Each structure stands twice: as C-alpha cells, then as structure tokens.
Amino acid sequence: MAGLSVNVVSADQQIWAGEAVQVTARTTEGEIGILPGHEPLLAILASGQVRVRQGDGTIVEASAEDGFLSVENDTVTIVSRNAALA
C-alpha cells in the first residue's frame, strides 16, 4: 500500500515531515482522517491536535492553531499560524 507524504509547517518553520499511513486533524467542519488515495481536499484547520500515524505504528502529535490542510496526490500539507510538536 502506498503511503502519504506529510509536511506540517508553522508560519516560521517546518515542524515535521515524513511518510505516514494516516493523518487525523481537526477542521472547522469536524475531525477528518486522511488515508492514501484520499480525494483532493482543502480544509480550514481549527485549533487542536494533528496526529500522524507512521507505518510502524508510531504516532507523531502536533498542536495546531488556525491554518489549512491540503491533500493532493497522497501529499498532505498542513500549514498553521502556530504549530508545535506535542
């Protein structure tokens, strides 16, 4: 199964980048889960946790405030005004 290429950035720095099998984030419409093969998407982030599950089961967590989440061609980009690893 192909994975996701994930990039989490804040206004001034890259927070985390790598490969994952699932990304979960809080949007203004509610929590969303992204798996490989997801349709293209642009969503507005709400304040909350972003969870990135890697292939070995490790979960990377980051807090994010305001911004957006973009999904296209198994690439997930999360841009937040203020983000930090939890």
PDB file of N, CA and C in Angstrom:
ATOM      1  N   MET A   1       0.845  -1.177   0.000  1.00  0.00           N
ATOM      2  CA  MET A   1       0.000   0.000   0.000  1.00  0.00           C
ATOM      3  C   MET A   1       0.891   1.241   0.000  1.00  0.00           C
ATOM      4  N   ALA A   2       0.577   2.152  -0.889  1.00  0.00           N
ATOM      5  CA  ALA A   2       1.318   3.415  -0.949  1.00  0.00           C
ATOM      6  C   ALA A   2       0.998   4.243   0.286  1.00  0.00           C
ATOM      7  N   GLY A   3       1.951   5.063   0.702  1.00  0.00           N
ATOM      8  CA  GLY A   3       1.765   5.880   1.883  1.00  0.00           C
ATOM      9  C   GLY A   3       1.466   7.325   1.534  1.00  0.00           C
ATOM     10  N   LEU A   4       1.455   8.137   2.555  1.00  0.00           N
ATOM     11  CA  LEU A   4       1.243   9.576   2.426  1.00  0.00           C
ATOM     12  C   LEU A   4       2.555  10.303   2.677  1.00  0.00           C
ATOM     13  N   SER A   5       2.788  11.342   1.939  1.00  0.00           N
ATOM     14  CA  SER A   5       3.910  12.238   2.198  1.00  0.00           C
ATOM     15  C   SER A   5       3.325  13.417   2.974  1.00  0.00           C
ATOM     16  N   VAL A   6       3.809  13.633   4.185  1.00  0.00           N
ATOM     17  CA  VAL A   6       3.204  14.629   5.079  1.00  0.00           C
ATOM     18  C   VAL A   6       4.210  15.717   5.422  1.00  0.00           C
ATOM     19  N   ASN A   7       3.721  16.954   5.424  1.00  0.00           N
ATOM     20  CA  ASN A   7       4.540  18.103   5.781  1.00  0.00           C
ATOM     21  C   ASN A   7       3.703  18.998   6.700  1.00  0.00           C
ATOM     22  N   VAL A   8       4.181  19.217   7.927  1.00  0.00           N
ATOM     23  CA  VAL A   8       3.498  20.090   8.892  1.00  0.00           C
ATOM     24  C   VAL A   8       4.392  21.303   9.113  1.00  0.00           C
ATOM     25  N   VAL A   9       3.871  22.489   8.821  1.00  0.00           N
ATOM     26  CA  VAL A   9       4.656  23.714   8.969  1.00  0.00           C
ATOM     27  C   VAL A   9       3.875  24.769   9.736  1.00  0.00           C
ATOM     28  N   SER A  10       4.622  25.613  10.443  1.00  0.00           N
ATOM     29  CA  SER A  10       4.028  26.785  11.078  1.00  0.00           C
ATOM     30  C   SER A  10       4.442  27.993  10.254  1.00  0.00           C
ATOM     31  N   ALA A  11       4.081  29.151  10.697  1.00  0.00           N
ATOM     32  CA  ALA A  11       4.374  30.373   9.946  1.00  0.00           C
ATOM     33  C   ALA A  11       5.874  30.585   9.736  1.00  0.00           C
ATOM     34  N   ASP A  12       6.701  30.101  10.664  1.00  0.00           N
ATOM     35  CA  ASP A  12       8.130  30.410  10.571  1.00  0.00           C
ATOM     36  C   ASP A  12       9.063  29.205  10.466  1.00  0.00           C
ATOM     37  N   GLN A  13       8.529  27.962  10.520  1.00  0.00           N
ATOM     38  CA  GLN A  13       9.426  26.811  10.445  1.00  0.00           C
ATOM     39  C   GLN A  13       8.679  25.529  10.105  1.00  0.00           C
ATOM     40  N   GLN A  14       9.444  24.543   9.635  1.00  0.00           N
ATOM     41  CA  GLN A  14       8.887  23.223   9.404  1.00  0.00           C
ATOM     42  C   GLN A  14       8.850  22.502  10.740  1.00  0.00           C
ATOM     43  N   ILE A  15       7.710  21.909  11.070  1.00  0.00           N
ATOM     44  CA  ILE A  15       7.540  21.213  12.338  1.00  0.00           C
ATOM     45  C   ILE A  15       7.870  19.727  12.191  1.00  0.00           C
ATOM     46  N   TRP A  16       7.365  19.101  11.125  1.00  0.00           N
ATOM     47  CA  TRP A  16       7.612  17.683  10.908  1.00  0.00           C
ATOM     48  C   TRP A  16       7.363  17.353   9.440  1.00  0.00           C
ATOM     49  N   ALA A  17       8.137  16.444   8.902  1.00  0.00           N
ATOM     50  CA  ALA A  17       7.925  15.965   7.536  1.00  0.00           C
ATOM     51  C   ALA A  17       8.312  14.503   7.484  1.00  0.00           C
ATOM     52  N   GLY A  18       7.567  13.714   6.723  1.00  0.00           N
ATOM     53  CA  GLY A  18       7.892  12.306   6.587  1.00  0.00           C
ATOM     54  C   GLY A  18       6.772  11.535   5.934  1.00  0.00           C
ATOM     55  N   GLU A  19       6.898  10.221   5.985  1.00  0.00           N
ATOM     56  CA  GLU A  19       5.908   9.323   5.404  1.00  0.00           C
ATOM     57  C   GLU A  19       4.951   8.850   6.488  1.00  0.00           C
ATOM     58  N   ALA A  20       3.696   8.622   6.103  1.00  0.00           N
ATOM     59  CA  ALA A  20       2.682   8.189   7.060  1.00  0.00           C
ATOM     60  C   ALA A  20       1.656   7.304   6.372  1.00  0.00           C
ATOM     61  N   VAL A  21       0.864   6.607   7.183  1.00  0.00           N
ATOM     62  CA  VAL A  21      -0.233   5.799   6.655  1.00  0.00           C
ATOM     63  C   VAL A  21      -1.584   6.443   6.961  1.00  0.00           C
ATOM     64  N   GLN A  22      -1.619   7.394   7.898  1.00  0.00           N
ATOM     65  CA  GLN A  22      -2.866   8.078   8.240  1.00  0.00           C
ATOM     66  C   GLN A  22      -2.550   9.417   8.892  1.00  0.00           C
ATOM     67  N   VAL A  23      -3.389  10.414   8.590  1.00  0.00           N
ATOM     68  CA  VAL A  23      -3.302  11.722   9.228  1.00  0.00           C
ATOM     69  C   VAL A  23      -4.700  12.071   9.735  1.00  0.00           C
ATOM     70  N   THR A  24      -4.780  12.529  10.976  1.00  0.00           N
ATOM     71  CA  THR A  24      -6.040  12.966  11.559  1.00  0.00           C
ATOM     72  C   THR A  24      -5.860  14.397  12.041  1.00  0.00           C
ATOM     73  N   ALA A  25      -6.828  15.256  11.694  1.00  0.00           N
ATOM     74  CA  ALA A  25      -6.735  16.662  12.094  1.00  0.00           C
ATOM     75  C   ALA A  25      -8.128  17.205  12.380  1.00  0.00           C
ATOM     76  N   ARG A  26      -8.169  18.289  13.147  1.00  0.00           N
ATOM     77  CA  ARG A  26      -9.434  18.953  13.476  1.00  0.00           C
ATOM     78  C   ARG A  26      -9.616  20.119  12.515  1.00  0.00           C
ATOM     79  N   THR A  27     -10.762  20.133  11.829  1.00  0.00           N
ATOM     80  CA  THR A  27     -11.088  21.232  10.922  1.00  0.00           C
ATOM     81  C   THR A  27     -12.302  21.972  11.470  1.00  0.00           C
ATOM     82  N   THR A  28     -12.667  23.057  10.825  1.00  0.00           N
ATOM     83  CA  THR A  28     -13.843  23.806  11.262  1.00  0.00           C
ATOM     84  C   THR A  28     -15.129  23.016  11.051  1.00  0.00           C
ATOM     85  N   GLU A  29     -15.068  21.960  10.231  1.00  0.00           N
ATOM     86  CA  GLU A  29     -16.234  21.110   9.972  1.00  0.00           C
ATOM     87  C   GLU A  29     -16.231  19.856  10.850  1.00  0.00           C
ATOM     88  N   GLY A  30     -15.180  19.663  11.647  1.00  0.00           N
ATOM     89  CA  GLY A  30     -15.062  18.483  12.497  1.00  0.00           C
ATOM     90  C   GLY A  30     -13.749  17.767  12.233  1.00  0.00           C
ATOM     91  N   GLU A  31     -13.553  16.639  12.906  1.00  0.00           N
ATOM     92  CA  GLU A  31     -12.309  15.890  12.748  1.00  0.00           C
ATOM     93  C   GLU A  31     -12.334  15.124  11.420  1.00  0.00           C
ATOM     94  N   ILE A  32     -11.169  15.065  10.771  1.00  0.00           N
ATOM     95  CA  ILE A  32     -11.067  14.382   9.486  1.00  0.00           C
ATOM     96  C   ILE A  32      -9.881  13.425   9.523  1.00  0.00           C
ATOM     97  N   GLY A  33     -10.058  12.283   8.882  1.00  0.00           N
ATOM     98  CA  GLY A  33      -8.982  11.312   8.740  1.00  0.00           C
ATOM     99  C   GLY A  33      -8.598  11.190   7.277  1.00  0.00           C
ATOM    100  N   ILE A  34      -7.317  11.166   7.008  1.00  0.00           N
ATOM    101  CA  ILE A  34      -6.809  11.077   5.643  1.00  0.00           C
ATOM    102  C   ILE A  34      -6.035   9.775   5.506  1.00  0.00           C
ATOM    103  N   LEU A  35      -6.385   8.976   4.515  1.00  0.00           N
ATOM    104  CA  LEU A  35      -5.680   7.741   4.187  1.00  0.00           C
ATOM    105  C   LEU A  35      -5.153   7.845   2.760  1.00  0.00           C
ATOM    106  N   PRO A  36      -4.200   6.993   2.381  1.00  0.00           N
ATOM    107  CA  PRO A  36      -3.728   7.014   0.996  1.00  0.00           C
ATOM    108  C   PRO A  36      -4.900   6.860   0.022  1.00  0.00           C
ATOM    109  N   GLY A  37      -4.840   7.589  -1.089  1.00  0.00           N
ATOM    110  CA  GLY A  37      -5.895   7.544  -2.083  1.00  0.00           C
ATOM    111  C   GLY A  37      -7.031   8.527  -1.839  1.00  0.00           C
ATOM    112  N   HIS A  38      -6.904   9.360  -0.796  1.00  0.00           N
ATOM    113  CA  HIS A  38      -7.960  10.331  -0.476  1.00  0.00           C
ATOM    114  C   HIS A  38      -8.145  11.310  -1.632  1.00  0.00           C
ATOM    115  N   GLU A  39      -9.382  11.707  -1.841  1.00  0.00           N
ATOM    116  CA  GLU A  39      -9.690  12.701  -2.864  1.00  0.00           C
ATOM    117  C   GLU A  39      -9.003  14.023  -2.527  1.00  0.00           C
ATOM    118  N   PRO A  40      -8.699  14.850  -3.530  1.00  0.00           N
ATOM    119  CA  PRO A  40      -8.125  16.175  -3.249  1.00  0.00           C
ATOM    120  C   PRO A  40      -9.047  16.962  -2.318  1.00  0.00           C
ATOM    121  N   LEU A  41      -8.433  17.720  -1.416  1.00  0.00           N
ATOM    122  CA  LEU A  41      -9.197  18.406  -0.379  1.00  0.00           C
ATOM    123  C   LEU A  41      -8.449  19.645   0.078  1.00  0.00           C
ATOM    124  N   LEU A  42      -9.185  20.688   0.390  1.00  0.00           N
ATOM    125  CA  LEU A  42      -8.639  21.871   1.050  1.00  0.00           C
ATOM    126  C   LEU A  42      -9.593  22.193   2.187  1.00  0.00           C
ATOM    127  N   ALA A  43      -9.092  22.172   3.421  1.00  0.00           N
ATOM    128  CA  ALA A  43      -9.935  22.396   4.599  1.00  0.00           C
ATOM    129  C   ALA A  43      -9.298  23.424   5.515  1.00  0.00           C
ATOM    130  N   ILE A  44     -10.131  24.138   6.246  1.00  0.00           N
ATOM    131  CA  ILE A  44      -9.657  25.125   7.218  1.00  0.00           C
ATOM    132  C   ILE A  44      -9.458  24.420   8.557  1.00  0.00           C
ATOM    133  N   LEU A  45      -8.265  24.576   9.135  1.00  0.00           N
ATOM    134  CA  LEU A  45      -7.966  23.963  10.429  1.00  0.00           C
ATOM    135  C   LEU A  45      -8.628  24.715  11.565  1.00  0.00           C
ATOM    136  N   ALA A  46      -9.037  23.978  12.562  1.00  0.00           N
ATOM    137  CA  ALA A  46      -9.457  24.552  13.839  1.00  0.00           C
ATOM    138  C   ALA A  46      -8.329  24.258  14.828  1.00  0.00           C
ATOM    139  N   SER A  47      -8.294  24.953  15.931  1.00  0.00           N
ATOM    140  CA  SER A  47      -7.271  24.682  16.945  1.00  0.00           C
ATOM    141  C   SER A  47      -7.450  23.262  17.465  1.00  0.00           C
ATOM    142  N   GLY A  48      -6.354  22.519  17.562  1.00  0.00           N
ATOM    143  CA  GLY A  48      -6.440  21.154  18.062  1.00  0.00           C
ATOM    144  C   GLY A  48      -5.211  20.353  17.706  1.00  0.00           C
ATOM    145  N   GLN A  49      -5.317  19.056  17.868  1.00  0.00           N
ATOM    146  CA  GLN A  49      -4.210  18.144  17.620  1.00  0.00           C
ATOM    147  C   GLN A  49      -4.216  17.633  16.185  1.00  0.00           C
ATOM    148  N   VAL A  50      -3.041  17.483  15.636  1.00  0.00           N
ATOM    149  CA  VAL A  50      -2.820  16.791  14.373  1.00  0.00           C
ATOM    150  C   VAL A  50      -2.073  15.517  14.733  1.00  0.00           C
ATOM    151  N   ARG A  51      -2.590  14.366  14.308  1.00  0.00           N
ATOM    152  CA  ARG A  51      -1.954  13.091  14.596  1.00  0.00           C
ATOM    153  C   ARG A  51      -1.533  12.438  13.286  1.00  0.00           C
ATOM    154  N   VAL A  52      -0.283  12.044  13.226  1.00  0.00           N
ATOM    155  CA  VAL A  52       0.281  11.399  12.048  1.00  0.00           C
ATOM    156  C   VAL A  52       0.721   9.996  12.456  1.00  0.00           C
ATOM    157  N   ARG A  53       0.082   8.977  11.858  1.00  0.00           N
ATOM    158  CA  ARG A  53       0.447   7.593  12.174  1.00  0.00           C
ATOM    159  C   ARG A  53       1.393   7.084  11.099  1.00  0.00           C
ATOM    160  N   GLN A  54       2.585   6.695  11.541  1.00  0.00           N
ATOM    161  CA  GLN A  54       3.597   6.190  10.624  1.00  0.00           C
ATOM    162  C   GLN A  54       3.387   4.696  10.396  1.00  0.00           C
ATOM    163  N   GLY A  55       4.080   4.146   9.398  1.00  0.00           N
ATOM    164  CA  GLY A  55       3.925   2.745   9.031  1.00  0.00           C
ATOM    165  C   GLY A  55       4.230   1.764  10.142  1.00  0.00           C
ATOM    166  N   ASP A  56       5.112   2.124  11.064  1.00  0.00           N
ATOM    167  CA  ASP A  56       5.457   1.219  12.172  1.00  0.00           C
ATOM    168  C   ASP A  56       4.528   1.377  13.373  1.00  0.00           C
ATOM    169  N   GLY A  57       3.489   2.197  13.229  1.00  0.00           N
ATOM    170  CA  GLY A  57       2.519   2.396  14.307  1.00  0.00           C
ATOM    171  C   GLY A  57       2.827   3.578  15.205  1.00  0.00           C
ATOM    172  N   THR A  58       4.000   4.180  15.069  1.00  0.00           N
ATOM    173  CA  THR A  58       4.361   5.358  15.854  1.00  0.00           C
ATOM    174  C   THR A  58       3.428   6.515  15.489  1.00  0.00           C
ATOM    175  N   ILE A  59       2.980   7.238  16.503  1.00  0.00           N
ATOM    176  CA  ILE A  59       2.114   8.389  16.264  1.00  0.00           C
ATOM    177  C   ILE A  59       2.857   9.659  16.641  1.00  0.00           C
ATOM    178  N   VAL A  60       2.934  10.584  15.687  1.00  0.00           N
ATOM    179  CA  VAL A  60       3.518  11.902  15.917  1.00  0.00           C
ATOM    180  C   VAL A  60       2.359  12.858  16.148  1.00  0.00           C
ATOM    181  N   GLU A  61       2.392  13.611  17.243  1.00  0.00           N
ATOM    182  CA  GLU A  61       1.320  14.559  17.542  1.00  0.00           C
ATOM    183  C   GLU A  61       1.871  15.972  17.542  1.00  0.00           C
ATOM    184  N   ALA A  62       1.078  16.870  16.978  1.00  0.00           N
ATOM    185  CA  ALA A  62       1.428  18.293  16.972  1.00  0.00           C
ATOM    186  C   ALA A  62       0.172  19.084  17.296  1.00  0.00           C
ATOM    187  N   SER A  63       0.347  20.187  17.999  1.00  0.00           N
ATOM    188  CA  SER A  63      -0.778  21.097  18.219  1.00  0.00           C
ATOM    189  C   SER A  63      -0.747  22.124  17.094  1.00  0.00           C
ATOM    190  N   ALA A  64      -1.922  22.514  16.624  1.00  0.00           N
ATOM    191  CA  ALA A  64      -2.003  23.471  15.522  1.00  0.00           C
ATOM    192  C   ALA A  64      -3.115  24.475  15.790  1.00  0.00           C
ATOM    193  N   GLU A  65      -2.851  25.723  15.445  1.00  0.00           N
ATOM    194  CA  GLU A  65      -3.838  26.800  15.589  1.00  0.00           C
ATOM    195  C   GLU A  65      -4.020  27.485  14.255  1.00  0.00           C
ATOM    196  N   ASP A  66      -5.235  27.561  13.789  1.00  0.00           N
ATOM    197  CA  ASP A  66      -5.555  28.279  12.562  1.00  0.00           C
ATOM    198  C   ASP A  66      -4.663  27.856  11.399  1.00  0.00           C
ATOM    199  N   GLY A  67      -5.195  27.801  10.239  1.00  0.00           N
ATOM    200  CA  GLY A  67      -4.443  27.448   9.055  1.00  0.00           C
ATOM    201  C   GLY A  67      -5.279  26.600   8.134  1.00  0.00           C
ATOM    202  N   PHE A  68      -4.606  25.769   7.339  1.00  0.00           N
ATOM    203  CA  PHE A  68      -5.333  24.917   6.419  1.00  0.00           C
ATOM    204  C   PHE A  68      -4.642  23.579   6.235  1.00  0.00           C
ATOM    205  N   LEU A  69      -5.408  22.630   5.702  1.00  0.00           N
ATOM    206  CA  LEU A  69      -4.928  21.296   5.390  1.00  0.00           C
ATOM    207  C   LEU A  69      -5.224  21.057   3.917  1.00  0.00           C
ATOM    208  N   SER A  70      -4.215  20.599   3.192  1.00  0.00           N
ATOM    209  CA  SER A  70      -4.371  20.333   1.764  1.00  0.00           C
ATOM    210  C   SER A  70      -3.981  18.887   1.484  1.00  0.00           C
ATOM    211  N   VAL A  71      -4.793  18.216   0.661  1.00  0.00           N
ATOM    212  CA  VAL A  71      -4.498  16.843   0.257  1.00  0.00           C
ATOM    213  C   VAL A  71      -4.555  16.794  -1.266  1.00  0.00           C
ATOM    214  N   GLU A  72      -3.485  16.271  -1.880  1.00  0.00           N
ATOM    215  CA  GLU A  72      -3.478  16.077  -3.323  1.00  0.00           C
ATOM    216  C   GLU A  72      -2.406  15.049  -3.668  1.00  0.00           C
ATOM    217  N   ASN A  73      -2.789  14.044  -4.440  1.00  0.00           N
ATOM    218  CA  ASN A  73      -1.859  13.002  -4.892  1.00  0.00           C
ATOM    219  C   ASN A  73      -1.071  12.371  -3.740  1.00  0.00           C
ATOM    220  N   ASP A  74      -1.763  11.994  -2.676  1.00  0.00           N
ATOM    221  CA  ASP A  74      -1.152  11.367  -1.492  1.00  0.00           C
ATOM    222  C   ASP A  74      -0.110  12.248  -0.810  1.00  0.00           C
ATOM    223  N   THR A  75      -0.223  13.558  -1.004  1.00  0.00           N
ATOM    224  CA  THR A  75       0.613  14.530  -0.303  1.00  0.00           C
ATOM    225  C   THR A  75      -0.294  15.356   0.601  1.00  0.00           C
ATOM    226  N   VAL A  76       0.016  15.354   1.896  1.00  0.00           N
ATOM    227  CA  VAL A  76      -0.766  16.109   2.883  1.00  0.00           C
ATOM    228  C   VAL A  76       0.113  17.247   3.385  1.00  0.00           C
ATOM    229  N   THR A  77      -0.380  18.474   3.227  1.00  0.00           N
ATOM    230  CA  THR A  77       0.335  19.649   3.720  1.00  0.00           C
ATOM    231  C   THR A  77      -0.546  20.337   4.744  1.00  0.00           C
ATOM    232  N   ILE A  78       0.008  20.538   5.932  1.00  0.00           N
ATOM    233  CA  ILE A  78      -0.702  21.233   7.000  1.00  0.00           C
ATOM    234  C   ILE A  78       0.075  22.498   7.309  1.00  0.00           C
ATOM    235  N   VAL A  79      -0.561  23.630   7.089  1.00  0.00           N
ATOM    236  CA  VAL A  79       0.057  24.935   7.338  1.00  0.00           C
ATOM    237  C   VAL A  79      -0.727  25.606   8.459  1.00  0.00           C
ATOM    238  N   SER A  80      -0.031  25.964   9.522  1.00  0.00           N
ATOM    239  CA  SER A  80      -0.687  26.537  10.690  1.00  0.00           C
ATOM    240  C   SER A  80       0.001  27.837  11.093  1.00  0.00           C
ATOM    241  N   ARG A  81      -0.788  28.768  11.582  1.00  0.00           N
ATOM    242  CA  ARG A  81      -0.223  30.024  12.079  1.00  0.00           C
ATOM    243  C   ARG A  81       0.749  29.746  13.223  1.00  0.00           C
ATOM    244  N   ASN A  82       0.366  28.800  14.075  1.00  0.00           N
ATOM    245  CA  ASN A  82       1.175  28.444  15.231  1.00  0.00           C
ATOM    246  C   ASN A  82       1.081  26.933  15.422  1.00  0.00           C
ATOM    247  N   ALA A  83       2.191  26.220  15.281  1.00  0.00           N
ATOM    248  CA  ALA A  83       2.210  24.777  15.445  1.00  0.00           C
ATOM    249  C   ALA A  83       3.462  24.352  16.199  1.00  0.00           C
ATOM    250  N   ALA A  84       3.336  23.260  16.940  1.00  0.00           N
ATOM    251  CA  ALA A  84       4.467  22.718  17.700  1.00  0.00           C
ATOM    252  C   ALA A  84       4.226  21.239  17.954  1.00  0.00           C
ATOM    253  N   LEU A  85       5.309  20.461  18.018  1.00  0.00           N
ATOM    254  CA  LEU A  85       5.172  19.056  18.373  1.00  0.00           C
ATOM    255  C   LEU A  85       4.681  18.948  19.803  1.00  0.00           C
ATOM    256  N   ALA A  86       3.791  18.006  20.020  1.00  0.00           N
ATOM    257  CA  ALA A  86       3.229  17.819  21.370  1.00  0.00           C
ATOM    258  C   ALA A  86       4.155  17.000  22.224  1.00  0.00           C
TER     259      ALA A  86
END
